[in-house]
Protein backbone atom coordinates (compact mmCIF):
# COMPACT_ATOMS: atom_id res chain seq x y z
CA MET A 1 0.00 0.00 0.00
CA LYS A 2 2.79 2.41 0.89
CA ARG A 3 4.47 1.78 -2.50
CA ILE A 4 1.19 2.42 -4.35
CA LEU A 5 0.64 5.69 -2.46
CA CYS A 6 4.18 6.82 -3.31
CA LEU A 7 3.61 6.07 -6.99
CA LEU A 8 0.32 7.96 -6.98
CA PHE A 9 1.96 10.93 -5.30
CA ALA A 10 4.79 10.95 -7.88
CA ALA A 11 2.27 10.77 -10.72
CA SER A 12 0.29 13.68 -9.30
CA LEU A 13 3.45 15.77 -9.05
CA ALA A 14 4.27 15.00 -12.69
CA LEU A 15 0.79 15.99 -13.80
CA GLY A 16 0.91 19.13 -11.72
CA ALA A 17 4.24 20.15 -13.18
CA GLY A 18 2.72 20.18 -16.67
CA ALA A 19 4.57 19.97 -19.97
CA LYS A 20 7.98 21.44 -20.49
CA THR A 21 7.97 24.17 -23.15
CA GLN A 22 10.46 26.48 -24.81
CA LYS A 23 9.75 29.46 -27.02
CA GLN A 24 12.18 30.64 -29.70
CA ARG A 25 11.88 33.49 -32.18
CA TYR A 26 13.53 33.70 -35.58
CA ALA A 27 13.90 36.18 -38.42
CA VAL A 28 14.20 34.70 -41.92
CA THR A 29 15.63 36.88 -44.70
CA VAL A 30 15.65 36.17 -48.44
CA GLU A 31 16.44 38.04 -51.63
CA GLY A 32 13.25 39.47 -53.07
CA VAL A 33 10.13 37.35 -52.68
CA ARG A 34 10.20 33.57 -52.10
CA ALA A 35 6.97 31.59 -52.30
CA GLU A 36 6.91 28.53 -50.01
CA CYS A 37 10.52 29.09 -49.01
CA PRO A 38 11.93 26.10 -47.09
CA VAL A 39 13.15 27.00 -43.60
CA VAL A 40 15.15 24.61 -41.43
CA LEU A 41 15.91 25.18 -37.73
CA GLY A 42 18.59 23.09 -36.08
CA ASP A 43 18.57 24.02 -32.38
CA VAL A 44 15.86 21.58 -31.29
CA PRO A 45 15.74 20.71 -27.57
CA GLN A 46 16.47 17.02 -26.97
CA TRP A 47 13.34 16.64 -24.84
CA ALA A 48 10.99 18.13 -27.46
CA ARG A 49 8.23 15.85 -28.73
CA SER A 50 6.19 18.40 -30.67
CA VAL A 51 6.46 21.88 -32.17
CA VAL A 52 4.12 24.73 -33.15
CA VAL A 53 5.21 27.49 -35.52
CA THR A 54 3.33 30.78 -35.83
CA THR A 55 3.88 33.91 -37.88
CA GLU A 56 1.90 37.15 -37.89
CA GLY A 57 -0.52 35.62 -35.39
CA ARG A 58 -1.25 32.54 -37.49
CA GLU A 59 -0.14 28.93 -37.04
CA ILE A 60 1.49 27.31 -40.07
CA PRO A 61 2.21 23.62 -40.75
CA SER A 62 5.59 22.46 -39.48
CA GLN A 63 7.50 19.24 -38.98
CA LEU A 64 9.72 18.06 -36.13
CA ASP A 65 12.29 15.54 -37.37
CA LYS A 66 13.85 14.26 -34.17
CA ALA A 67 16.11 11.82 -36.06
CA LEU A 68 17.75 14.82 -37.75
CA GLY A 69 17.46 17.28 -34.86
CA GLU A 70 15.60 19.71 -37.12
CA THR A 71 12.32 21.58 -37.45
CA ALA A 72 11.17 22.37 -40.98
CA PHE A 73 8.41 24.44 -42.57
CA VAL A 74 7.68 26.39 -45.75
CA ALA A 75 6.40 29.96 -45.86
CA ASP A 76 5.94 32.87 -48.25
CA ILE A 77 8.60 35.45 -47.42
CA ASP A 78 8.85 38.96 -48.79
CA ARG A 79 12.46 39.87 -47.94
CA ARG A 80 12.05 39.30 -44.18
CA ARG A 81 9.57 37.55 -41.92
CA GLU A 82 9.55 36.61 -38.25
CA PHE A 83 8.45 33.28 -36.79
CA THR A 84 7.73 32.06 -33.26
CA VAL A 85 8.54 28.43 -32.49
CA VAL A 86 7.26 26.68 -29.36
CA TYR A 87 8.62 23.26 -28.42
CA SER A 88 6.79 21.01 -26.00
CA SER A 89 7.58 17.79 -24.16
CA LYS A 90 4.02 16.64 -24.88
CA PRO A 91 3.15 14.72 -28.05
CA ALA A 92 1.59 16.72 -30.86
CA SER A 93 -2.10 17.43 -30.33
CA ARG A 94 -2.75 18.39 -33.94
CA SER A 95 -1.88 17.15 -37.41
CA TYR A 96 -1.45 18.96 -40.70
CA PRO A 97 -2.53 17.91 -44.21
CA ALA A 98 0.12 15.83 -45.96
CA ARG A 99 1.70 17.68 -48.86
CA VAL A 100 4.46 15.17 -49.48
CA HIS A 101 4.70 11.38 -49.47
CA ALA A 102 7.39 8.69 -49.44
CA GLN A 103 7.13 4.93 -49.89
CA MET A 104 9.22 1.77 -50.22
CA TRP A 105 7.60 -1.62 -50.80
CA TRP A 106 9.07 -5.08 -50.20
CA LYS A 107 7.71 -7.86 -52.42
CA ASN A 108 6.50 -10.80 -50.31
CA PRO A 109 6.73 -14.38 -51.64
CA ASP A 110 2.94 -14.39 -52.18
CA LYS A 111 3.30 -11.27 -54.36
CA THR A 112 1.73 -8.97 -51.79
CA LEU A 113 3.62 -5.85 -50.75
CA ARG A 114 4.89 -4.76 -47.33
CA ALA A 115 5.70 -1.14 -46.54
CA VAL A 116 9.21 -0.69 -45.13
CA ASP A 117 11.30 2.28 -44.01
CA THR A 118 14.77 0.71 -44.06
CA LEU A 119 16.33 -2.05 -46.15
CA TRP A 120 19.94 -3.09 -46.66
CA SER A 121 21.95 -5.75 -48.42
CA GLU A 122 25.56 -6.86 -48.75
CA GLN A 123 24.89 -7.90 -52.35
CA ASP A 124 23.56 -6.12 -55.41
CA ASP A 125 20.29 -8.05 -55.21
CA MET A 126 17.58 -5.59 -54.18
CA TYR A 127 16.43 -4.16 -57.52
CA HIS A 128 13.90 -6.93 -58.28
CA LYS A 129 12.91 -7.46 -54.62
CA LEU A 130 11.27 -4.04 -54.36
CA HIS A 131 8.17 -2.63 -56.02
CA HIS A 132 9.28 0.20 -58.34
CA HIS A 133 12.86 -0.96 -57.61
CA GLY A 134 13.61 1.34 -54.67
CA PRO A 135 12.26 4.17 -52.53
CA ALA A 136 10.01 6.80 -54.13
CA PHE A 137 8.97 10.22 -52.89
CA GLU A 138 6.77 13.06 -54.10
CA SER A 139 5.38 16.53 -53.61
CA GLU A 140 2.32 17.94 -55.36
CA ARG A 141 4.50 18.90 -58.33
CA ALA A 142 6.82 15.97 -59.01
CA ALA A 143 7.82 12.48 -57.94
CA TYR A 144 11.16 10.69 -58.01
CA ARG A 145 12.42 7.18 -57.34
CA ILE A 146 15.90 5.88 -56.62
CA TYR A 147 17.07 2.58 -58.06
CA PHE A 148 18.33 0.28 -55.29
CA ASP A 149 21.23 -1.13 -57.31
CA LYS A 150 24.70 -0.21 -58.53
CA LYS A 151 23.31 2.76 -60.46
CA GLN A 152 21.39 4.42 -57.59
CA THR A 153 20.01 6.60 -60.39
CA ILE A 154 17.17 9.10 -59.93
CA ASP A 155 14.17 8.50 -62.19
CA THR A 156 11.34 10.99 -62.72
CA TYR A 157 7.51 11.01 -62.62
CA GLY A 158 5.60 14.02 -63.91
CA LYS A 159 2.36 15.48 -62.54
CA LYS A 160 -0.36 16.88 -64.77
CA ARG A 161 -2.15 18.44 -61.81
CA PRO A 162 -0.70 19.53 -58.46
CA ARG A 163 -1.57 16.66 -56.10
CA LEU A 164 -0.19 13.56 -54.38
CA GLU A 165 -0.58 10.37 -56.40
CA LEU A 166 1.88 7.63 -55.45
CA ALA A 167 -0.30 6.15 -52.69
CA GLU A 168 -2.83 5.43 -55.45
CA THR A 169 -0.73 4.77 -58.55
CA MET A 170 2.25 3.13 -56.82
CA TRP A 171 4.33 4.71 -59.64
CA TYR A 172 2.46 2.67 -62.32
CA PRO A 173 -0.94 4.28 -63.05
CA SER A 174 -3.76 2.17 -64.44
CA GLU A 175 -5.49 2.94 -67.73
CA GLN A 176 -8.35 4.52 -65.79
CA GLN A 177 -6.00 6.66 -63.71
CA LEU A 178 -4.25 7.86 -66.87
CA ALA A 179 -7.64 8.73 -68.36
CA ASP A 180 -8.45 10.64 -65.15
CA GLY A 181 -5.41 12.88 -65.56
CA TYR A 182 -2.88 11.18 -63.30
CA GLY A 183 0.80 11.58 -64.08
CA HIS A 184 3.38 8.89 -64.81
CA ASP A 185 7.03 8.01 -65.29
CA ASN A 186 8.19 10.34 -68.05
CA LEU A 187 11.79 9.28 -68.83
CA ARG A 188 13.87 6.17 -69.45
CA VAL A 189 17.11 6.92 -67.66
CA PHE A 190 18.93 3.82 -68.97
CA GLY A 191 22.58 3.89 -67.82
CA SER A 192 22.70 7.68 -67.57
CA VAL A 193 23.02 9.94 -64.54
CA GLY A 194 19.25 10.55 -64.72
CA VAL A 195 18.93 13.84 -62.90
CA GLY A 196 21.24 14.76 -60.03
CA THR A 197 22.69 11.33 -59.19
CA LEU A 198 26.20 11.48 -57.73
CA LYS A 199 28.45 8.85 -59.27
CA GLY A 200 32.12 8.03 -59.57
CA TRP A 201 34.30 9.36 -62.38
CA ASP A 202 36.74 7.43 -64.60
CA ALA A 203 39.22 10.13 -65.64
CA LYS A 204 41.06 7.84 -68.04
CA LYS A 205 37.99 6.77 -69.99
CA GLN A 206 36.23 10.08 -69.29
CA ARG A 207 32.93 8.58 -68.23
CA MET A 208 30.88 8.19 -65.09
CA ILE A 209 30.97 4.91 -63.21
CA HIS A 210 28.34 3.22 -61.08
CA ILE A 211 28.88 2.01 -57.51
CA ALA A 212 29.20 -1.63 -58.54
CA ASP A 213 31.52 -2.89 -55.79
CA MET A 214 30.58 -2.35 -52.15
CA LYS A 215 30.24 -4.16 -48.83
CA ARG A 216 26.80 -2.85 -47.89
CA ARG A 217 24.05 -0.77 -49.47
CA GLU A 218 21.10 0.74 -47.60
CA ALA A 219 17.92 2.64 -48.46
CA ARG A 220 16.07 4.54 -45.74
CA ILE A 221 13.01 6.77 -45.47
CA VAL A 222 14.02 9.21 -42.73
CA ALA A 223 10.99 11.56 -42.83
CA ARG A 224 7.59 11.29 -44.53
CA GLY A 225 6.04 14.71 -44.07
CA PRO A 226 3.73 16.54 -43.83
CA VAL A 227 6.11 19.33 -44.91
CA ARG A 228 9.06 17.45 -46.38
CA THR A 229 10.30 13.97 -47.21
CA VAL A 230 13.87 12.88 -46.48
CA VAL A 231 15.20 9.74 -48.17
CA GLU A 232 18.73 8.38 -47.91
CA MET A 233 20.85 5.96 -49.93
CA ARG A 234 24.04 4.79 -48.22
CA VAL A 235 26.89 2.68 -49.53
CA GLU A 236 29.70 1.31 -47.34
CA GLY A 237 32.97 -0.31 -48.33
CA TRP A 238 33.10 1.29 -51.79
CA PRO A 239 36.58 0.71 -53.30
CA TYR A 240 37.13 3.93 -55.23
CA GLY A 241 40.29 5.70 -56.34
CA GLY A 242 42.54 3.20 -54.57
CA ARG A 243 40.77 3.71 -51.22
CA GLU A 244 37.71 2.44 -49.42
CA ILE A 245 35.04 5.01 -48.66
CA ALA A 246 31.41 5.29 -47.57
CA MET A 247 28.84 7.72 -48.98
CA THR A 248 25.40 8.80 -47.81
CA SER A 249 23.19 10.65 -50.29
CA ARG A 250 20.26 12.44 -48.65
CA TYR A 251 17.37 13.66 -50.84
CA ILE A 252 15.03 16.32 -49.42
CA LEU A 253 11.79 17.35 -51.14
CA TYR A 254 9.56 20.12 -49.73
CA ALA A 255 5.84 20.79 -50.06
CA GLY A 256 5.07 22.94 -53.08
CA HIS A 257 8.43 22.19 -54.70
CA GLY A 258 9.62 20.13 -57.65
CA ASP A 259 13.28 20.73 -56.81
CA VAL A 260 15.19 18.32 -54.59
CA ARG A 261 18.03 19.28 -52.23
CA VAL A 262 20.83 16.71 -52.17
CA GLU A 263 23.35 16.36 -49.34
CA ASN A 264 26.17 13.92 -50.12
CA ARG A 265 28.43 13.02 -47.19
CA ILE A 266 31.60 11.09 -48.05
CA GLU A 267 33.41 9.29 -45.24
CA GLY A 268 37.02 8.13 -45.37
CA ASP A 269 40.00 9.52 -47.24
CA CYS A 270 38.43 11.41 -50.13
CA GLU A 271 41.21 13.96 -50.68
CA GLY A 272 41.84 14.35 -54.40
CA LEU A 273 38.90 12.14 -55.41
CA LEU A 274 36.51 13.36 -58.09
CA PHE A 275 32.80 12.59 -58.36
CA THR A 276 30.32 13.54 -61.04
CA THR A 277 26.69 14.57 -61.42
CA GLY A 278 24.53 16.26 -64.03
CA VAL A 279 21.55 15.41 -66.22
CA MET A 280 20.96 12.81 -68.90
CA LYS A 281 21.07 13.55 -72.61
CA MET A 282 17.72 13.29 -74.38
CA ALA A 283 16.57 13.25 -77.99
CA GLU A 284 16.18 16.66 -79.65
CA ASN A 285 18.27 18.05 -76.83
CA GLU A 286 18.88 21.67 -75.90
CA ALA A 287 21.32 22.34 -73.08
CA ALA A 288 22.95 25.30 -71.40
CA ARG A 289 25.43 25.92 -68.56
CA ASP A 290 26.00 29.02 -66.51
CA GLY A 291 27.79 29.41 -63.19
CA GLY A 292 27.33 25.85 -61.96
CA ILE A 293 23.79 25.60 -63.33
CA LEU A 294 23.16 22.98 -66.01
CA VAL A 295 19.81 22.80 -67.79
CA ALA A 296 18.73 20.41 -70.55
CA TYR A 297 15.46 20.04 -72.40
CA GLY A 298 14.49 17.22 -74.73
CA CYS A 299 12.10 14.36 -75.38
CA ASP A 300 11.95 10.59 -75.20
CA PHE A 301 9.54 7.70 -74.72
CA PRO A 302 8.93 6.90 -71.03
CA GLU A 303 8.53 3.17 -71.76
CA ASN A 304 9.70 0.64 -74.33
CA ASP A 305 6.10 0.38 -75.62
CA THR A 306 6.12 3.18 -78.19
CA LEU A 307 2.56 2.37 -79.35
CA LYS A 308 0.91 3.03 -75.99
CA TRP A 309 3.22 5.87 -74.99
CA GLU A 310 4.15 9.05 -76.82
CA ARG A 311 7.37 11.04 -76.61
CA GLU A 312 7.44 13.19 -73.51
CA HIS A 313 9.01 16.65 -73.39
CA VAL A 314 11.01 16.98 -70.20
CA GLY A 315 13.37 19.54 -68.71
CA LEU A 316 16.13 18.54 -66.28
CA ALA A 317 18.37 20.82 -64.23
CA VAL A 318 21.08 20.69 -61.58
CA ALA A 319 22.82 23.51 -59.68
CA VAL A 320 26.18 22.66 -58.07
CA PRO A 321 28.59 24.83 -56.03
CA GLU A 322 30.96 26.57 -58.45
CA ARG A 323 33.89 26.40 -56.04
CA GLN A 324 33.80 22.59 -56.13
CA ILE A 325 33.74 22.21 -59.92
CA VAL A 326 36.94 20.73 -61.32
CA SER A 327 35.85 20.18 -64.93
CA GLU A 328 32.81 19.98 -67.21
CA ILE A 329 33.40 16.82 -69.24
CA ASP A 330 30.34 15.07 -70.66
CA ASP A 331 30.14 11.40 -71.54
CA LYS A 332 27.93 9.78 -74.19
CA THR A 333 24.93 9.46 -71.87
CA SER A 334 24.95 12.64 -69.79
CA TYR A 335 25.92 16.29 -69.40
CA LEU A 336 28.22 16.34 -66.38
CA TYR A 337 30.15 18.31 -63.81
CA GLN A 338 33.19 16.76 -62.10
CA LEU A 339 33.26 17.82 -58.45
CA ARG A 340 35.64 17.67 -55.51
CA PRO A 341 34.27 17.20 -51.96
CA ASP A 342 34.75 20.12 -49.58
CA ALA A 343 36.87 19.94 -46.42
CA GLN A 344 34.04 18.13 -44.61
CA GLY A 345 33.61 15.56 -47.37
CA ARG A 346 30.38 17.19 -48.62
CA ILE A 347 29.01 17.70 -52.12
CA ASP A 348 25.61 19.42 -51.86
CA TYR A 349 23.44 20.66 -54.71
CA VAL A 350 19.89 20.98 -56.07
CA PHE A 351 18.15 19.27 -58.98
CA GLU A 352 14.73 19.54 -60.61
CA MET A 353 12.51 18.06 -63.32
CA LEU A 354 9.91 19.89 -65.41
CA TRP A 355 7.26 18.19 -67.59
CA ARG A 356 5.48 19.95 -70.44
CA LYS A 357 2.16 18.23 -69.62
CA SER A 358 1.95 19.90 -66.21
CA GLU A 359 -1.11 22.13 -66.32
CA TRP A 360 0.54 24.98 -64.39
CA LEU A 361 3.00 25.52 -67.28
CA ASP A 362 0.05 26.69 -69.38
CA GLY A 363 1.59 26.06 -72.82
CA ARG A 364 4.95 27.62 -71.99
CA SER A 365 7.47 27.50 -74.86
CA ASP A 366 10.59 25.32 -74.81
CA ALA A 367 12.78 28.40 -74.38
CA ALA A 368 10.63 29.58 -71.48
CA CYS A 369 10.89 26.13 -69.86
CA LEU A 370 14.68 26.27 -70.04
CA ALA A 371 14.76 29.80 -68.64
CA GLY A 372 12.32 28.90 -65.88
CA LEU A 373 14.38 25.90 -64.79
CA ALA A 374 17.55 27.95 -64.70
CA GLU A 375 15.85 30.64 -62.60
CA SER A 376 14.48 28.01 -60.22
CA MET A 377 17.98 26.61 -59.74
CA ARG A 378 19.44 30.06 -59.04
CA ARG A 379 16.73 30.74 -56.47
CA GLU A 380 16.56 27.40 -54.69
CA ARG A 381 20.28 26.89 -54.20
CA LYS A 382 20.38 30.06 -52.09
CA ALA A 383 19.48 29.12 -48.55
CA PRO A 384 17.55 31.78 -46.60
CA LEU A 385 19.34 33.59 -43.77
CA VAL A 386 17.90 32.34 -40.47
CA GLU A 387 18.68 34.37 -37.33
CA ARG A 388 17.56 33.64 -33.81
CA ILE A 389 16.02 36.66 -32.09
CA ARG A 390 16.96 36.89 -28.43
């Protein structure tokens, strides 16, 4: 009885103490006007279990990613805007509409599918064991998948209308869904770089190389939304350039965006090593480079069945840090930049896909598509200035 009374007394004290909270204020500054500008805050209290973000007296959707130690949200910012962030030790009492989605499906022996967040293998044997061959993620404006094999290439899925679709189409829309205006895979990436995949570089043969040899490969869905998805591909024991390294490629897609932020972290001795990324070459190609921004526009069939499918007009773009560019040597499949990791072993950049069938383009010309992609890359690679207000 005495023990029970002590426990009840302790519980009452805990309830009386209430939740632990912490308020923080931030000013976010951008150049000009940024619609749905991604904002990331890193100083998250370890005890926090939920977060509420307000601005100008109004609550906005936000996301607490404890695994990353970050809070994320998107907001329209005209040069400068202030935000109040309140962390709580209580679980979230509200939810926000999902504006992004991520999925990875394991094929069971009975041909049913099982949703998974993390998979790994010490062999190159996962491609056919997964539905759509790897993890996939989307916003309202675009979807991407990553091949879980030696290529680790990014493939693209266009949206005709701004909405989430993968939970319904599972990347492969039915005839009825196509008739109802759903999007679909719009490129065959073959052995190319696709869009924004970081690969090795063979300087002697002047061509990109896949990550064929490794000790372990992993795919992981780190965050599912509602504001952003975070998906990682990691390879360990990669013999490259006479050394053995590991590399984690993190792909971040925000609500309202078609562009993807890529954070590549290379572990081990990477001094002097070169890596490469860019965009694939397409039929009837137009391409342009300017200050670390590479944009290409062309067309191709999305599937081998050229009777059912028509040629799709697609724009691809990547924006890399100029200071890390060593050369701009293309191979037969792709337009490429050769890059050197920074002092921390990082190679970070942004990529994007644009599809002519997207209704919001409203008949834009090819030249306007190229110009729009280039402008998007210039804007999105500039992170906003985030300052904590004391």
